[in-house]
Amino acid sequence: MPNPIEAAARATPAPLARKVRGLSDRAIAWIFVAPTIFLLLAINIFPLIWTIRLSFTNYAANRPNREVEWVGLRNYERILTDEGTWANMQTTAHFLVWTIVLQVSCR
């Protein structure tokens, strides 16, 4: 009974077999890693960049037909000058500090 690996090697067309044999380990590694990198870019990096871009506009998801205009840093200025935002940040900071203190001291 013939070995399946040898049978597959014989069935591979000669030009393709030469190309596969000529690939370095680095090239083969990139062939395996490239789809993961592309998926990472498509699923994580693109939405992050798109969100940052939208943060400089007046885009509102609940008003899809409204024209989107560039507002620059106005959104950030509004958030950073809002007292409610700073109160929420202070509450979060207290929670963070006390959580870390309790976790470190209980070891």
N, C-alpha and C. Protein backbone atom coordinates (compact mmCIF):
# COMPACT_ATOMS: atom_id res chain seq x y z
N MET A 1 0.85 -1.17 0.00
CA MET A 1 0.00 0.00 0.00
C MET A 1 0.90 1.24 0.00
N PRO A 2 0.65 2.18 -0.93
CA PRO A 2 1.52 3.35 -1.03
C PRO A 2 1.28 4.31 0.14
N ASN A 3 2.35 4.99 0.50
CA ASN A 3 2.30 5.99 1.56
C ASN A 3 1.48 7.18 1.07
N PRO A 4 0.49 7.70 1.87
CA PRO A 4 -0.35 8.81 1.41
C PRO A 4 0.46 10.10 1.19
N ILE A 5 1.50 10.29 1.95
CA ILE A 5 2.31 11.50 1.77
C ILE A 5 3.05 11.44 0.45
N GLU A 6 3.58 10.27 0.13
CA GLU A 6 4.28 10.12 -1.15
C GLU A 6 3.30 10.27 -2.31
N ALA A 7 2.08 9.74 -2.14
CA ALA A 7 1.08 9.85 -3.20
C ALA A 7 0.69 11.31 -3.41
N ALA A 8 0.56 12.07 -2.33
CA ALA A 8 0.24 13.49 -2.46
C ALA A 8 1.40 14.24 -3.11
N ALA A 9 2.61 13.87 -2.76
CA ALA A 9 3.78 14.53 -3.35
C ALA A 9 3.84 14.26 -4.85
N ARG A 10 3.52 13.03 -5.27
CA ARG A 10 3.54 12.71 -6.70
C ARG A 10 2.39 13.39 -7.44
N ALA A 11 1.26 13.61 -6.75
CA ALA A 11 0.11 14.23 -7.39
C ALA A 11 0.25 15.75 -7.51
N THR A 12 1.17 16.34 -6.77
CA THR A 12 1.37 17.79 -6.82
C THR A 12 2.04 18.15 -8.14
N PRO A 13 1.48 19.10 -8.89
CA PRO A 13 2.10 19.52 -10.15
C PRO A 13 3.52 20.02 -9.93
N ALA A 14 4.39 19.74 -10.87
CA ALA A 14 5.82 20.06 -10.73
C ALA A 14 6.08 21.55 -10.47
N PRO A 15 5.43 22.49 -11.21
CA PRO A 15 5.72 23.90 -10.93
C PRO A 15 5.35 24.31 -9.49
N LEU A 16 4.23 23.78 -9.00
CA LEU A 16 3.80 24.10 -7.65
C LEU A 16 4.74 23.47 -6.63
N ALA A 17 5.18 22.25 -6.89
CA ALA A 17 6.09 21.57 -5.98
C ALA A 17 7.40 22.33 -5.87
N ARG A 18 7.90 22.88 -6.99
CA ARG A 18 9.13 23.66 -6.96
C ARG A 18 8.95 24.91 -6.12
N LYS A 19 7.78 25.57 -6.25
CA LYS A 19 7.52 26.78 -5.47
C LYS A 19 7.45 26.47 -3.98
N VAL A 20 6.77 25.39 -3.63
CA VAL A 20 6.62 25.03 -2.22
C VAL A 20 7.97 24.65 -1.63
N ARG A 21 8.76 23.88 -2.36
CA ARG A 21 10.08 23.51 -1.86
C ARG A 21 11.00 24.71 -1.74
N GLY A 22 10.76 25.74 -2.53
CA GLY A 22 11.63 26.91 -2.51
C GLY A 22 11.30 27.91 -1.42
N LEU A 23 10.19 27.72 -0.69
CA LEU A 23 9.83 28.67 0.35
C LEU A 23 10.71 28.48 1.59
N SER A 24 11.13 29.58 2.15
CA SER A 24 11.91 29.51 3.37
C SER A 24 10.98 29.32 4.56
N ASP A 25 11.56 29.02 5.70
CA ASP A 25 10.77 28.87 6.92
C ASP A 25 10.09 30.19 7.27
N ARG A 26 10.78 31.29 7.03
CA ARG A 26 10.21 32.61 7.33
C ARG A 26 8.98 32.87 6.44
N ALA A 27 9.08 32.52 5.16
CA ALA A 27 7.95 32.73 4.25
C ALA A 27 6.76 31.87 4.65
N ILE A 28 7.02 30.65 5.02
CA ILE A 28 5.94 29.75 5.45
C ILE A 28 5.30 30.29 6.73
N ALA A 29 6.11 30.80 7.65
CA ALA A 29 5.58 31.37 8.88
C ALA A 29 4.67 32.55 8.56
N TRP A 30 5.07 33.41 7.63
CA TRP A 30 4.25 34.56 7.25
C TRP A 30 2.94 34.13 6.60
N ILE A 31 2.98 33.05 5.85
CA ILE A 31 1.76 32.53 5.22
C ILE A 31 0.74 32.14 6.31
N PHE A 32 1.23 31.57 7.40
CA PHE A 32 0.33 31.17 8.48
C PHE A 32 -0.09 32.35 9.35
N VAL A 33 0.78 33.33 9.55
CA VAL A 33 0.50 34.44 10.45
C VAL A 33 -0.31 35.55 9.77
N ALA A 34 -0.16 35.73 8.47
CA ALA A 34 -0.80 36.83 7.74
C ALA A 34 -2.33 36.87 7.91
N PRO A 35 -3.05 35.77 7.80
CA PRO A 35 -4.51 35.87 8.00
C PRO A 35 -4.89 36.38 9.38
N THR A 36 -4.14 35.99 10.39
CA THR A 36 -4.42 36.47 11.74
C THR A 36 -4.18 37.96 11.85
N ILE A 37 -3.12 38.44 11.24
CA ILE A 37 -2.81 39.87 11.27
C ILE A 37 -3.91 40.65 10.54
N PHE A 38 -4.33 40.17 9.40
CA PHE A 38 -5.38 40.86 8.65
C PHE A 38 -6.69 40.88 9.44
N LEU A 39 -7.04 39.77 10.09
CA LEU A 39 -8.24 39.75 10.91
C LEU A 39 -8.14 40.69 12.10
N LEU A 40 -6.97 40.73 12.72
CA LEU A 40 -6.75 41.65 13.83
C LEU A 40 -6.95 43.09 13.38
N LEU A 41 -6.39 43.43 12.24
CA LEU A 41 -6.56 44.78 11.71
C LEU A 41 -8.02 45.07 11.39
N ALA A 42 -8.70 44.12 10.78
CA ALA A 42 -10.09 44.34 10.37
C ALA A 42 -11.04 44.41 11.55
N ILE A 43 -10.81 43.59 12.57
CA ILE A 43 -11.75 43.50 13.68
C ILE A 43 -11.43 44.48 14.81
N ASN A 44 -10.16 44.80 15.03
CA ASN A 44 -9.79 45.65 16.15
C ASN A 44 -9.31 47.04 15.75
N ILE A 45 -8.35 47.10 14.87
CA ILE A 45 -7.69 48.36 14.57
C ILE A 45 -8.59 49.29 13.75
N PHE A 46 -9.23 48.78 12.72
CA PHE A 46 -10.09 49.63 11.89
C PHE A 46 -11.21 50.27 12.69
N PRO A 47 -11.96 49.52 13.51
CA PRO A 47 -13.02 50.18 14.30
C PRO A 47 -12.46 51.21 15.29
N LEU A 48 -11.29 50.96 15.84
CA LEU A 48 -10.69 51.93 16.75
C LEU A 48 -10.39 53.24 16.04
N ILE A 49 -9.77 53.16 14.87
CA ILE A 49 -9.45 54.36 14.10
C ILE A 49 -10.73 55.05 13.65
N TRP A 50 -11.72 54.28 13.23
CA TRP A 50 -12.99 54.86 12.78
C TRP A 50 -13.69 55.59 13.93
N THR A 51 -13.66 55.02 15.13
CA THR A 51 -14.28 55.64 16.29
C THR A 51 -13.57 56.94 16.65
N ILE A 52 -12.25 56.94 16.61
CA ILE A 52 -11.51 58.17 16.89
C ILE A 52 -11.86 59.23 15.86
N ARG A 53 -11.98 58.84 14.61
CA ARG A 53 -12.36 59.80 13.56
C ARG A 53 -13.75 60.37 13.84
N LEU A 54 -14.70 59.50 14.19
CA LEU A 54 -16.06 59.95 14.47
C LEU A 54 -16.14 60.86 15.70
N SER A 55 -15.18 60.71 16.62
CA SER A 55 -15.22 61.54 17.83
C SER A 55 -14.95 63.01 17.52
N PHE A 56 -14.44 63.30 16.35
CA PHE A 56 -14.19 64.68 15.95
C PHE A 56 -15.33 65.24 15.08
N THR A 57 -16.44 64.51 15.02
CA THR A 57 -17.60 64.95 14.24
C THR A 57 -18.83 65.04 15.14
N ASN A 58 -19.93 65.49 14.58
CA ASN A 58 -21.19 65.55 15.35
C ASN A 58 -22.06 64.33 15.07
N TYR A 59 -21.46 63.22 14.70
CA TYR A 59 -22.19 62.00 14.36
C TYR A 59 -23.03 61.52 15.55
N ALA A 60 -24.26 61.16 15.29
CA ALA A 60 -25.15 60.58 16.30
C ALA A 60 -25.78 59.32 15.70
N ALA A 61 -25.56 58.18 16.34
CA ALA A 61 -26.06 56.91 15.81
C ALA A 61 -27.58 56.87 15.79
N ASN A 62 -28.23 57.61 16.67
CA ASN A 62 -29.69 57.58 16.70
C ASN A 62 -30.31 58.55 15.68
N ARG A 63 -29.49 59.26 14.94
CA ARG A 63 -29.97 60.15 13.87
C ARG A 63 -29.17 59.85 12.60
N PRO A 64 -29.44 58.73 11.94
CA PRO A 64 -28.61 58.32 10.81
C PRO A 64 -28.72 59.22 9.58
N ASN A 65 -29.81 59.95 9.43
CA ASN A 65 -29.98 60.78 8.23
C ASN A 65 -29.43 62.19 8.39
N ARG A 66 -29.01 62.53 9.60
CA ARG A 66 -28.45 63.86 9.84
C ARG A 66 -27.06 63.96 9.21
N GLU A 67 -26.77 65.10 8.63
CA GLU A 67 -25.47 65.29 7.98
C GLU A 67 -24.37 65.36 9.03
N VAL A 68 -23.28 64.66 8.77
CA VAL A 68 -22.16 64.63 9.69
C VAL A 68 -21.23 65.79 9.37
N GLU A 69 -20.93 66.59 10.40
CA GLU A 69 -20.05 67.75 10.24
C GLU A 69 -18.84 67.61 11.16
N TRP A 70 -17.72 68.15 10.72
CA TRP A 70 -16.49 68.14 11.49
C TRP A 70 -16.59 69.20 12.59
N VAL A 71 -16.43 68.80 13.86
CA VAL A 71 -16.50 69.75 14.96
C VAL A 71 -15.18 69.89 15.70
N GLY A 72 -14.18 69.15 15.28
CA GLY A 72 -12.86 69.26 15.88
C GLY A 72 -12.84 68.78 17.32
N LEU A 73 -12.23 69.58 18.19
CA LEU A 73 -12.07 69.20 19.59
C LEU A 73 -13.25 69.62 20.47
N ARG A 74 -14.31 70.11 19.88
CA ARG A 74 -15.48 70.59 20.64
C ARG A 74 -16.08 69.49 21.51
N ASN A 75 -16.15 68.27 21.01
CA ASN A 75 -16.70 67.16 21.82
C ASN A 75 -15.85 66.91 23.06
N TYR A 76 -14.53 66.92 22.90
CA TYR A 76 -13.63 66.69 24.02
C TYR A 76 -13.70 67.85 25.01
N GLU A 77 -13.81 69.06 24.50
CA GLU A 77 -13.93 70.23 25.37
C GLU A 77 -15.21 70.13 26.21
N ARG A 78 -16.30 69.72 25.58
CA ARG A 78 -17.57 69.59 26.29
C ARG A 78 -17.49 68.53 27.39
N ILE A 79 -16.85 67.41 27.09
CA ILE A 79 -16.74 66.34 28.09
C ILE A 79 -15.84 66.75 29.24
N LEU A 80 -14.71 67.37 28.94
CA LEU A 80 -13.74 67.70 29.98
C LEU A 80 -14.16 68.89 30.84
N THR A 81 -15.11 69.68 30.39
CA THR A 81 -15.58 70.80 31.21
C THR A 81 -16.89 70.47 31.93
N ASP A 82 -17.39 69.27 31.76
CA ASP A 82 -18.64 68.86 32.41
C ASP A 82 -18.34 68.38 33.83
N GLU A 83 -19.02 68.94 34.82
CA GLU A 83 -18.79 68.56 36.22
C GLU A 83 -19.22 67.12 36.50
N GLY A 84 -20.27 66.68 35.84
CA GLY A 84 -20.73 65.30 36.02
C GLY A 84 -19.68 64.28 35.60
N THR A 85 -18.98 64.59 34.53
CA THR A 85 -17.93 63.68 34.06
C THR A 85 -16.83 63.56 35.10
N TRP A 86 -16.42 64.69 35.69
CA TRP A 86 -15.36 64.66 36.70
C TRP A 86 -15.81 63.95 37.96
N ALA A 87 -17.08 64.09 38.32
CA ALA A 87 -17.60 63.36 39.49
C ALA A 87 -17.57 61.86 39.23
N ASN A 88 -17.95 61.46 38.03
CA ASN A 88 -17.90 60.03 37.67
C ASN A 88 -16.46 59.51 37.65
N MET A 89 -15.54 60.33 37.16
CA MET A 89 -14.13 59.92 37.14
C MET A 89 -13.59 59.77 38.57
N GLN A 90 -14.01 60.67 39.47
CA GLN A 90 -13.57 60.60 40.86
C GLN A 90 -14.11 59.33 41.52
N THR A 91 -15.37 59.00 41.27
CA THR A 91 -15.96 57.78 41.81
C THR A 91 -15.22 56.55 41.30
N THR A 92 -14.91 56.54 40.02
CA THR A 92 -14.17 55.42 39.43
C THR A 92 -12.78 55.32 40.03
N ALA A 93 -12.11 56.45 40.24
CA ALA A 93 -10.77 56.44 40.83
C ALA A 93 -10.81 55.90 42.25
N HIS A 94 -11.82 56.29 43.05
CA HIS A 94 -11.94 55.76 44.41
C HIS A 94 -12.13 54.25 44.38
N PHE A 95 -13.01 53.78 43.52
CA PHE A 95 -13.25 52.34 43.40
C PHE A 95 -11.97 51.62 43.00
N LEU A 96 -11.24 52.16 42.04
CA LEU A 96 -10.00 51.55 41.56
C LEU A 96 -8.97 51.48 42.68
N VAL A 97 -8.75 52.59 43.37
CA VAL A 97 -7.73 52.63 44.42
C VAL A 97 -8.08 51.66 45.54
N TRP A 98 -9.31 51.68 46.02
CA TRP A 98 -9.68 50.80 47.12
C TRP A 98 -9.67 49.33 46.71
N THR A 99 -10.03 49.05 45.49
CA THR A 99 -9.98 47.66 45.01
C THR A 99 -8.54 47.16 44.98
N ILE A 100 -7.63 47.98 44.47
CA ILE A 100 -6.22 47.57 44.43
C ILE A 100 -5.65 47.44 45.83
N VAL A 101 -5.97 48.38 46.72
CA VAL A 101 -5.48 48.31 48.09
C VAL A 101 -5.96 47.02 48.76
N LEU A 102 -7.23 46.70 48.60
CA LEU A 102 -7.75 45.49 49.23
C LEU A 102 -7.14 44.23 48.63
N GLN A 103 -6.94 44.21 47.35
CA GLN A 103 -6.37 43.02 46.72
C GLN A 103 -4.92 42.82 47.13
N VAL A 104 -4.16 43.89 47.21
CA VAL A 104 -2.74 43.77 47.56
C VAL A 104 -2.58 43.45 49.03
N SER A 105 -3.41 44.04 49.89
CA SER A 105 -3.25 43.83 51.33
C SER A 105 -3.76 42.47 51.78
N CYS A 106 -4.61 41.82 51.03
CA CYS A 106 -5.16 40.52 51.42
C CYS A 106 -4.31 39.35 51.00
N ARG A 107 -3.19 39.57 50.43
CA ARG A 107 -2.34 38.45 49.99
C ARG A 107 -1.51 37.91 51.08
